[in-house]
Amino acid sequence: FGFLVKNQKRSIEIKTMKFYPIKGRFSSFYFDIFEKTLIEPMLRGMRSFLNLFQFIQNGRMQSYVLYGLFFILSILLGTFINYLYTMYLI
């Protein structure tokens, strides 16, 4: 699976004169092809779509109560429409 993951290594050369070097570092990073080409674009698209609904979370209590009332009214309206549909369909 080495062709799917590319490895990038960075290191600073450590001098061998000291027993405990202070400035020794090593880091490695793996580039996953599937993550770059499939997962990240999907996540960016989902994030931009969900940001369209960010206005709902505005921090005002009155708006949250109003959202709850709209939800309850929509459930009642849907129930009423379903009731009418089943009464006249049968």
PDB file of N, CA and C in Angstrom:
ATOM      1  N   PHE A   1       0.808  -1.198   0.000  1.00  0.00           N
ATOM      2  CA  PHE A   1       0.000   0.000   0.000  1.00  0.00           C
ATOM      3  C   PHE A   1       0.850   1.261   0.000  1.00  0.00           C
ATOM      4  N   GLY A   2       2.127   1.129  -0.274  1.00  0.00           N
ATOM      5  CA  GLY A   2       3.008   2.283  -0.272  1.00  0.00           C
ATOM      6  C   GLY A   2       2.688   3.293  -1.352  1.00  0.00           C
ATOM      7  N   PHE A   3       2.067   2.856  -2.442  1.00  0.00           N
ATOM      8  CA  PHE A   3       1.726   3.798  -3.507  1.00  0.00           C
ATOM      9  C   PHE A   3       0.526   4.662  -3.140  1.00  0.00           C
ATOM     10  N   LEU A   4      -0.234   4.293  -2.109  1.00  0.00           N
ATOM     11  CA  LEU A   4      -1.385   5.082  -1.689  1.00  0.00           C
ATOM     12  C   LEU A   4      -1.025   6.143  -0.670  1.00  0.00           C
ATOM     13  N   VAL A   5       0.068   5.949   0.041  1.00  0.00           N
ATOM     14  CA  VAL A   5       0.466   6.868   1.106  1.00  0.00           C
ATOM     15  C   VAL A   5       1.870   7.363   0.806  1.00  0.00           C
ATOM     16  N   LYS A   6       2.031   8.673   0.762  1.00  0.00           N
ATOM     17  CA  LYS A   6       3.349   9.256   0.520  1.00  0.00           C
ATOM     18  C   LYS A   6       3.914   9.752   1.837  1.00  0.00           C
ATOM     19  N   ASN A   7       5.174   9.464   2.079  1.00  0.00           N
ATOM     20  CA  ASN A   7       5.823   9.810   3.330  1.00  0.00           C
ATOM     21  C   ASN A   7       6.732  11.015   3.126  1.00  0.00           C
ATOM     22  N   GLN A   8       6.659  11.943   4.045  1.00  0.00           N
ATOM     23  CA  GLN A   8       7.544  13.106   4.024  1.00  0.00           C
ATOM     24  C   GLN A   8       8.227  13.178   5.381  1.00  0.00           C
ATOM     25  N   LYS A   9       9.559  13.139   5.388  1.00  0.00           N
ATOM     26  CA  LYS A   9      10.310  13.165   6.640  1.00  0.00           C
ATOM     27  C   LYS A   9      11.178  14.407   6.688  1.00  0.00           C
ATOM     28  N   ARG A  10      11.257  14.988   7.871  1.00  0.00           N
ATOM     29  CA  ARG A  10      12.143  16.120   8.105  1.00  0.00           C
ATOM     30  C   ARG A  10      12.912  15.848   9.384  1.00  0.00           C
ATOM     31  N   SER A  11      14.202  16.080   9.339  1.00  0.00           N
ATOM     32  CA  SER A  11      14.996  15.901  10.551  1.00  0.00           C
ATOM     33  C   SER A  11      16.165  16.878  10.542  1.00  0.00           C
ATOM     34  N   ILE A  12      16.609  17.198  11.722  1.00  0.00           N
ATOM     35  CA  ILE A  12      17.785  18.044  11.902  1.00  0.00           C
ATOM     36  C   ILE A  12      18.918  17.134  12.344  1.00  0.00           C
ATOM     37  N   GLU A  13      20.044  17.320  11.723  1.00  0.00           N
ATOM     38  CA  GLU A  13      21.171  16.449  12.011  1.00  0.00           C
ATOM     39  C   GLU A  13      21.668  16.664  13.440  1.00  0.00           C
ATOM     40  N   ILE A  14      21.876  15.586  14.142  1.00  0.00           N
ATOM     41  CA  ILE A  14      22.326  15.637  15.531  1.00  0.00           C
ATOM     42  C   ILE A  14      23.832  15.396  15.557  1.00  0.00           C
ATOM     43  N   LYS A  15      24.543  16.278  16.226  1.00  0.00           N
ATOM     44  CA  LYS A  15      25.988  16.102  16.351  1.00  0.00           C
ATOM     45  C   LYS A  15      26.266  15.015  17.381  1.00  0.00           C
ATOM     46  N   THR A  16      27.262  14.202  17.112  1.00  0.00           N
ATOM     47  CA  THR A  16      27.548  13.065  17.988  1.00  0.00           C
ATOM     48  C   THR A  16      28.541  13.401  19.087  1.00  0.00           C
ATOM     49  N   MET A  17      28.863  14.661  19.300  1.00  0.00           N
ATOM     50  CA  MET A  17      29.836  15.028  20.323  1.00  0.00           C
ATOM     51  C   MET A  17      29.244  14.999  21.722  1.00  0.00           C
ATOM     52  N   LYS A  18      27.940  15.209  21.850  1.00  0.00           N
ATOM     53  CA  LYS A  18      27.330  15.262  23.170  1.00  0.00           C
ATOM     54  C   LYS A  18      26.542  13.981  23.418  1.00  0.00           C
ATOM     55  N   PHE A  19      26.394  13.648  24.684  1.00  0.00           N
ATOM     56  CA  PHE A  19      25.598  12.481  25.028  1.00  0.00           C
ATOM     57  C   PHE A  19      24.104  12.773  24.931  1.00  0.00           C
ATOM     58  N   TYR A  20      23.696  13.976  25.319  1.00  0.00           N
ATOM     59  CA  TYR A  20      22.290  14.375  25.284  1.00  0.00           C
ATOM     60  C   TYR A  20      22.152  15.623  24.419  1.00  0.00           C
ATOM     61  N   PRO A  21      21.901  15.460  23.140  1.00  0.00           N
ATOM     62  CA  PRO A  21      21.781  16.635  22.272  1.00  0.00           C
ATOM     63  C   PRO A  21      20.510  17.419  22.598  1.00  0.00           C
ATOM     64  N   ILE A  22      20.611  18.723  22.518  1.00  0.00           N
ATOM     65  CA  ILE A  22      19.484  19.589  22.854  1.00  0.00           C
ATOM     66  C   ILE A  22      18.597  19.833  21.635  1.00  0.00           C
ATOM     67  N   LYS A  23      19.194  19.980  20.473  1.00  0.00           N
ATOM     68  CA  LYS A  23      18.438  20.412  19.304  1.00  0.00           C
ATOM     69  C   LYS A  23      18.125  19.276  18.332  1.00  0.00           C
ATOM     70  N   GLY A  24      17.917  18.103  18.804  1.00  0.00           N
ATOM     71  CA  GLY A  24      17.567  17.004  17.918  1.00  0.00           C
ATOM     72  C   GLY A  24      16.068  16.941  17.686  1.00  0.00           C
ATOM     73  N   ARG A  25      15.674  16.880  16.432  1.00  0.00           N
ATOM     74  CA  ARG A  25      14.253  16.810  16.088  1.00  0.00           C
ATOM     75  C   ARG A  25      14.050  15.842  14.935  1.00  0.00           C
ATOM     76  N   PHE A  26      12.877  15.257  14.943  1.00  0.00           N
ATOM     77  CA  PHE A  26      12.471  14.400  13.838  1.00  0.00           C
ATOM     78  C   PHE A  26      10.965  14.498  13.693  1.00  0.00           C
ATOM     79  N   SER A  27      10.500  14.633  12.485  1.00  0.00           N
ATOM     80  CA  SER A  27       9.057  14.651  12.245  1.00  0.00           C
ATOM     81  C   SER A  27       8.777  13.942  10.931  1.00  0.00           C
ATOM     82  N   SER A  28       7.648  13.283  10.882  1.00  0.00           N
ATOM     83  CA  SER A  28       7.225  12.633   9.646  1.00  0.00           C
ATOM     84  C   SER A  28       5.744  12.897   9.445  1.00  0.00           C
ATOM     85  N   PHE A  29       5.355  12.990   8.199  1.00  0.00           N
ATOM     86  CA  PHE A  29       3.976  13.275   7.844  1.00  0.00           C
ATOM     87  C   PHE A  29       3.618  12.398   6.660  1.00  0.00           C
ATOM     88  N   TYR A  30       2.444  11.809   6.718  1.00  0.00           N
ATOM     89  CA  TYR A  30       1.996  10.922   5.658  1.00  0.00           C
ATOM     90  C   TYR A  30       0.845  11.571   4.896  1.00  0.00           C
ATOM     91  N   PHE A  31       0.987  11.659   3.586  1.00  0.00           N
ATOM     92  CA  PHE A  31      -0.067  12.170   2.720  1.00  0.00           C
ATOM     93  C   PHE A  31      -0.883  10.982   2.229  1.00  0.00           C
ATOM     94  N   ASP A  32      -2.138  10.932   2.609  1.00  0.00           N
ATOM     95  CA  ASP A  32      -3.021   9.861   2.175  1.00  0.00           C
ATOM     96  C   ASP A  32      -3.775  10.328   0.935  1.00  0.00           C
ATOM     97  N   ILE A  33      -3.654   9.582  -0.135  1.00  0.00           N
ATOM     98  CA  ILE A  33      -4.265   9.982  -1.399  1.00  0.00           C
ATOM     99  C   ILE A  33      -5.784   9.978  -1.293  1.00  0.00           C
ATOM    100  N   PHE A  34      -6.360   8.960  -0.634  1.00  0.00           N
ATOM    101  CA  PHE A  34      -7.814   8.901  -0.492  1.00  0.00           C
ATOM    102  C   PHE A  34      -8.334  10.061   0.346  1.00  0.00           C
ATOM    103  N   GLU A  35      -7.583  10.417   1.373  1.00  0.00           N
ATOM    104  CA  GLU A  35      -8.013  11.532   2.220  1.00  0.00           C
ATOM    105  C   GLU A  35      -7.992  12.844   1.438  1.00  0.00           C
ATOM    106  N   LYS A  36      -6.945  13.060   0.658  1.00  0.00           N
ATOM    107  CA  LYS A  36      -6.821  14.311  -0.094  1.00  0.00           C
ATOM    108  C   LYS A  36      -7.832  14.409  -1.232  1.00  0.00           C
ATOM    109  N   THR A  37      -8.130  13.291  -1.896  1.00  0.00           N
ATOM    110  CA  THR A  37      -8.973  13.360  -3.087  1.00  0.00           C
ATOM    111  C   THR A  37     -10.443  13.067  -2.826  1.00  0.00           C
ATOM    112  N   LEU A  38     -10.767  12.302  -1.785  1.00  0.00           N
ATOM    113  CA  LEU A  38     -12.161  11.943  -1.537  1.00  0.00           C
ATOM    114  C   LEU A  38     -12.731  12.557  -0.265  1.00  0.00           C
ATOM    115  N   ILE A  39     -12.051  12.347   0.838  1.00  0.00           N
ATOM    116  CA  ILE A  39     -12.619  12.709   2.136  1.00  0.00           C
ATOM    117  C   ILE A  39     -12.622  14.220   2.343  1.00  0.00           C
ATOM    118  N   GLU A  40     -11.500  14.878   2.107  1.00  0.00           N
ATOM    119  CA  GLU A  40     -11.433  16.326   2.344  1.00  0.00           C
ATOM    120  C   GLU A  40     -12.388  17.129   1.461  1.00  0.00           C
ATOM    121  N   PRO A  41     -12.539  16.836   0.164  1.00  0.00           N
ATOM    122  CA  PRO A  41     -13.538  17.588  -0.615  1.00  0.00           C
ATOM    123  C   PRO A  41     -14.970  17.365  -0.126  1.00  0.00           C
ATOM    124  N   MET A  42     -15.291  16.128   0.287  1.00  0.00           N
ATOM    125  CA  MET A  42     -16.633  15.891   0.821  1.00  0.00           C
ATOM    126  C   MET A  42     -16.850  16.658   2.116  1.00  0.00           C
ATOM    127  N   LEU A  43     -15.847  16.682   2.986  1.00  0.00           N
ATOM    128  CA  LEU A  43     -15.982  17.417   4.239  1.00  0.00           C
ATOM    129  C   LEU A  43     -16.103  18.918   4.000  1.00  0.00           C
ATOM    130  N   ARG A  44     -15.350  19.439   3.026  1.00  0.00           N
ATOM    131  CA  ARG A  44     -15.476  20.865   2.701  1.00  0.00           C
ATOM    132  C   ARG A  44     -16.874  21.190   2.191  1.00  0.00           C
ATOM    133  N   GLY A  45     -17.426  20.316   1.348  1.00  0.00           N
ATOM    134  CA  GLY A  45     -18.775  20.533   0.839  1.00  0.00           C
ATOM    135  C   GLY A  45     -19.819  20.471   1.939  1.00  0.00           C
ATOM    136  N   MET A  46     -19.683  19.491   2.839  1.00  0.00           N
ATOM    137  CA  MET A  46     -20.628  19.390   3.952  1.00  0.00           C
ATOM    138  C   MET A  46     -20.516  20.600   4.863  1.00  0.00           C
ATOM    139  N   ARG A  47     -19.293  21.053   5.118  1.00  0.00           N
ATOM    140  CA  ARG A  47     -19.091  22.209   5.994  1.00  0.00           C
ATOM    141  C   ARG A  47     -19.699  23.470   5.384  1.00  0.00           C
ATOM    142  N   SER A  48     -19.528  23.660   4.083  1.00  0.00           N
ATOM    143  CA  SER A  48     -20.102  24.855   3.454  1.00  0.00           C
ATOM    144  C   SER A  48     -21.627  24.768   3.415  1.00  0.00           C
ATOM    145  N   PHE A  49     -22.185  23.561   3.233  1.00  0.00           N
ATOM    146  CA  PHE A  49     -23.638  23.410   3.260  1.00  0.00           C
ATOM    147  C   PHE A  49     -24.190  23.673   4.652  1.00  0.00           C
ATOM    148  N   LEU A  50     -23.534  23.145   5.679  1.00  0.00           N
ATOM    149  CA  LEU A  50     -24.018  23.341   7.045  1.00  0.00           C
ATOM    150  C   LEU A  50     -23.834  24.783   7.511  1.00  0.00           C
ATOM    151  N   ASN A  51     -22.875  25.503   6.947  1.00  0.00           N
ATOM    152  CA  ASN A  51     -22.711  26.918   7.300  1.00  0.00           C
ATOM    153  C   ASN A  51     -23.879  27.768   6.816  1.00  0.00           C
ATOM    154  N   LEU A  52     -24.657  27.252   5.859  1.00  0.00           N
ATOM    155  CA  LEU A  52     -25.852  27.973   5.419  1.00  0.00           C
ATOM    156  C   LEU A  52     -26.895  28.059   6.533  1.00  0.00           C
ATOM    157  N   PHE A  53     -26.871  27.109   7.461  1.00  0.00           N
ATOM    158  CA  PHE A  53     -27.840  27.075   8.551  1.00  0.00           C
ATOM    159  C   PHE A  53     -27.275  27.659   9.843  1.00  0.00           C
ATOM    160  N   GLN A  54     -26.200  28.374   9.758  1.00  0.00           N
ATOM    161  CA  GLN A  54     -25.566  28.940  10.942  1.00  0.00           C
ATOM    162  C   GLN A  54     -26.396  30.063  11.549  1.00  0.00           C
ATOM    163  N   PHE A  55     -27.285  30.667  10.769  1.00  0.00           N
ATOM    164  CA  PHE A  55     -28.115  31.747  11.297  1.00  0.00           C
ATOM    165  C   PHE A  55     -29.059  31.245  12.384  1.00  0.00           C
ATOM    166  N   ILE A  56     -29.349  29.944  12.402  1.00  0.00           N
ATOM    167  CA  ILE A  56     -30.263  29.394  13.409  1.00  0.00           C
ATOM    168  C   ILE A  56     -29.663  29.535  14.801  1.00  0.00           C
ATOM    169  N   GLN A  57     -28.371  29.350  14.905  1.00  0.00           N
ATOM    170  CA  GLN A  57     -27.706  29.434  16.204  1.00  0.00           C
ATOM    171  C   GLN A  57     -27.237  30.879  16.413  1.00  0.00           C
ATOM    172  N   ASN A  58     -28.144  31.716  16.897  1.00  0.00           N
ATOM    173  CA  ASN A  58     -27.828  33.131  17.017  1.00  0.00           C
ATOM    174  C   ASN A  58     -27.707  33.600  18.459  1.00  0.00           C
ATOM    175  N   GLY A  59     -28.068  32.775  19.440  1.00  0.00           N
ATOM    176  CA  GLY A  59     -27.886  33.139  20.838  1.00  0.00           C
ATOM    177  C   GLY A  59     -29.045  33.880  21.470  1.00  0.00           C
ATOM    178  N   ARG A  60     -30.131  34.067  20.742  1.00  0.00           N
ATOM    179  CA  ARG A  60     -31.288  34.771  21.307  1.00  0.00           C
ATOM    180  C   ARG A  60     -32.341  33.758  21.723  1.00  0.00           C
ATOM    181  N   MET A  61     -32.770  33.827  22.966  1.00  0.00           N
ATOM    182  CA  MET A  61     -33.730  32.873  23.506  1.00  0.00           C
ATOM    183  C   MET A  61     -35.079  32.974  22.792  1.00  0.00           C
ATOM    184  N   GLN A  62     -35.479  34.180  22.405  1.00  0.00           N
ATOM    185  CA  GLN A  62     -36.758  34.361  21.729  1.00  0.00           C
ATOM    186  C   GLN A  62     -36.794  33.588  20.403  1.00  0.00           C
ATOM    187  N   SER A  63     -35.683  33.586  19.703  1.00  0.00           N
ATOM    188  CA  SER A  63     -35.629  32.859  18.433  1.00  0.00           C
ATOM    189  C   SER A  63     -35.748  31.361  18.660  1.00  0.00           C
ATOM    190  N   TYR A  64     -35.111  30.856  19.709  1.00  0.00           N
ATOM    191  CA  TYR A  64     -35.177  29.427  19.993  1.00  0.00           C
ATOM    192  C   TYR A  64     -36.598  29.006  20.350  1.00  0.00           C
ATOM    193  N   VAL A  65     -37.318  29.831  21.104  1.00  0.00           N
ATOM    194  CA  VAL A  65     -38.715  29.532  21.427  1.00  0.00           C
ATOM    195  C   VAL A  65     -39.554  29.564  20.154  1.00  0.00           C
ATOM    196  N   LEU A  66     -39.284  30.529  19.285  1.00  0.00           N
ATOM    197  CA  LEU A  66     -40.016  30.619  18.024  1.00  0.00           C
ATOM    198  C   LEU A  66     -39.738  29.407  17.134  1.00  0.00           C
ATOM    199  N   TYR A  67     -38.487  28.944  17.086  1.00  0.00           N
ATOM    200  CA  TYR A  67     -38.159  27.742  16.323  1.00  0.00           C
ATOM    201  C   TYR A  67     -38.919  26.539  16.869  1.00  0.00           C
ATOM    202  N   GLY A  68     -39.032  26.431  18.184  1.00  0.00           N
ATOM    203  CA  GLY A  68     -39.785  25.337  18.791  1.00  0.00           C
ATOM    204  C   GLY A  68     -41.253  25.390  18.422  1.00  0.00           C
ATOM    205  N   LEU A  69     -41.828  26.591  18.429  1.00  0.00           N
ATOM    206  CA  LEU A  69     -43.238  26.733  18.047  1.00  0.00           C
ATOM    207  C   LEU A  69     -43.461  26.373  16.580  1.00  0.00           C
ATOM    208  N   PHE A  70     -42.554  26.801  15.703  1.00  0.00           N
ATOM    209  CA  PHE A  70     -42.669  26.432  14.294  1.00  0.00           C
ATOM    210  C   PHE A  70     -42.585  24.920  14.113  1.00  0.00           C
ATOM    211  N   PHE A  71     -41.704  24.276  14.872  1.00  0.00           N
ATOM    212  CA  PHE A  71     -41.564  22.827  14.778  1.00  0.00           C
ATOM    213  C   PHE A  71     -42.848  22.139  15.230  1.00  0.00           C
ATOM    214  N   ILE A  72     -43.416  22.565  16.345  1.00  0.00           N
ATOM    215  CA  ILE A  72     -44.652  21.957  16.851  1.00  0.00           C
ATOM    216  C   ILE A  72     -45.796  22.176  15.868  1.00  0.00           C
ATOM    217  N   LEU A  73     -45.898  23.389  15.319  1.00  0.00           N
ATOM    218  CA  LEU A  73     -46.953  23.664  14.338  1.00  0.00           C
ATOM    219  C   LEU A  73     -46.778  22.839  13.064  1.00  0.00           C
ATOM    220  N   SER A  74     -45.541  22.656  12.635  1.00  0.00           N
ATOM    221  CA  SER A  74     -45.319  21.849  11.430  1.00  0.00           C
ATOM    222  C   SER A  74     -45.667  20.383  11.683  1.00  0.00           C
ATOM    223  N   ILE A  75     -45.388  19.863  12.877  1.00  0.00           N
ATOM    224  CA  ILE A  75     -45.766  18.487  13.209  1.00  0.00           C
ATOM    225  C   ILE A  75     -47.288  18.356  13.245  1.00  0.00           C
ATOM    226  N   LEU A  76     -47.968  19.314  13.858  1.00  0.00           N
ATOM    227  CA  LEU A  76     -49.430  19.277  13.904  1.00  0.00           C
ATOM    228  C   LEU A  76     -50.035  19.381  12.507  1.00  0.00           C
ATOM    229  N   LEU A  77     -49.491  20.252  11.680  1.00  0.00           N
ATOM    230  CA  LEU A  77     -49.980  20.399  10.313  1.00  0.00           C
ATOM    231  C   LEU A  77     -49.753  19.114   9.514  1.00  0.00           C
ATOM    232  N   GLY A  78     -48.590  18.513   9.660  1.00  0.00           N
ATOM    233  CA  GLY A  78     -48.315  17.250   8.973  1.00  0.00           C
ATOM    234  C   GLY A  78     -49.234  16.135   9.435  1.00  0.00           C
ATOM    235  N   THR A  79     -49.524  16.086  10.734  1.00  0.00           N
ATOM    236  CA  THR A  79     -50.447  15.082  11.257  1.00  0.00           C
ATOM    237  C   THR A  79     -51.849  15.296  10.705  1.00  0.00           C
ATOM    238  N   PHE A  80     -52.282  16.547  10.648  1.00  0.00           N
ATOM    239  CA  PHE A  80     -53.612  16.866  10.122  1.00  0.00           C
ATOM    240  C   PHE A  80     -53.717  16.510   8.640  1.00  0.00           C
ATOM    241  N   ILE A  81     -52.695  16.816   7.865  1.00  0.00           N
ATOM    242  CA  ILE A  81     -52.700  16.480   6.435  1.00  0.00           C
ATOM    243  C   ILE A  81     -52.703  14.966   6.249  1.00  0.00           C
ATOM    244  N   ASN A  82     -51.946  14.251   7.055  1.00  0.00           N
ATOM    245  CA  ASN A  82     -51.930  12.793   6.989  1.00  0.00           C
ATOM    246  C   ASN A  82     -53.300  12.223   7.349  1.00  0.00           C
ATOM    247  N   TYR A  83     -53.955  12.799   8.342  1.00  0.00           N
ATOM    248  CA  TYR A  83     -55.289  12.357   8.745  1.00  0.00           C
ATOM    249  C   TYR A  83     -56.288  12.569   7.614  1.00  0.00           C
ATOM    250  N   LEU A  84     -56.246  13.745   6.986  1.00  0.00           N
ATOM    251  CA  LEU A  84     -57.155  14.004   5.868  1.00  0.00           C
ATOM    252  C   LEU A  84     -56.879  13.072   4.695  1.00  0.00           C
ATOM    253  N   TYR A  85     -55.625  12.814   4.441  1.00  0.00           N
ATOM    254  CA  TYR A  85     -55.246  11.936   3.336  1.00  0.00           C
ATOM    255  C   TYR A  85     -55.751  10.522   3.570  1.00  0.00           C
ATOM    256  N   THR A  86     -55.616  10.013   4.792  1.00  0.00           N
ATOM    257  CA  THR A  86     -56.059   8.646   5.071  1.00  0.00           C
ATOM    258  C   THR A  86     -57.575   8.545   5.146  1.00  0.00           C
ATOM    259  N   MET A  87     -58.263   9.594   5.572  1.00  0.00           N
ATOM    260  CA  MET A  87     -59.723   9.545   5.666  1.00  0.00           C
ATOM    261  C   MET A  87     -60.365   9.520   4.279  1.00  0.00           C
ATOM    262  N   TYR A  88     -59.857  10.304   3.361  1.00  0.00           N
ATOM    263  CA  TYR A  88     -60.475  10.391   2.043  1.00  0.00           C
ATOM    264  C   TYR A  88     -59.905   9.387   1.060  1.00  0.00           C
ATOM    265  N   LEU A  89     -58.814   8.753   1.399  1.00  0.00           N
ATOM    266  CA  LEU A  89     -58.239   7.734   0.533  1.00  0.00           C
ATOM    267  C   LEU A  89     -58.932   6.404   0.748  1.00  0.00           C
ATOM    268  N   ILE A  90     -59.375   6.157   1.969  1.00  0.00           N
ATOM    269  CA  ILE A  90     -60.013   4.874   2.294  1.00  0.00           C
ATOM    270  C   ILE A  90     -61.425   4.917   1.923  1.00  0.00           C
TER     271      ILE A  90
END
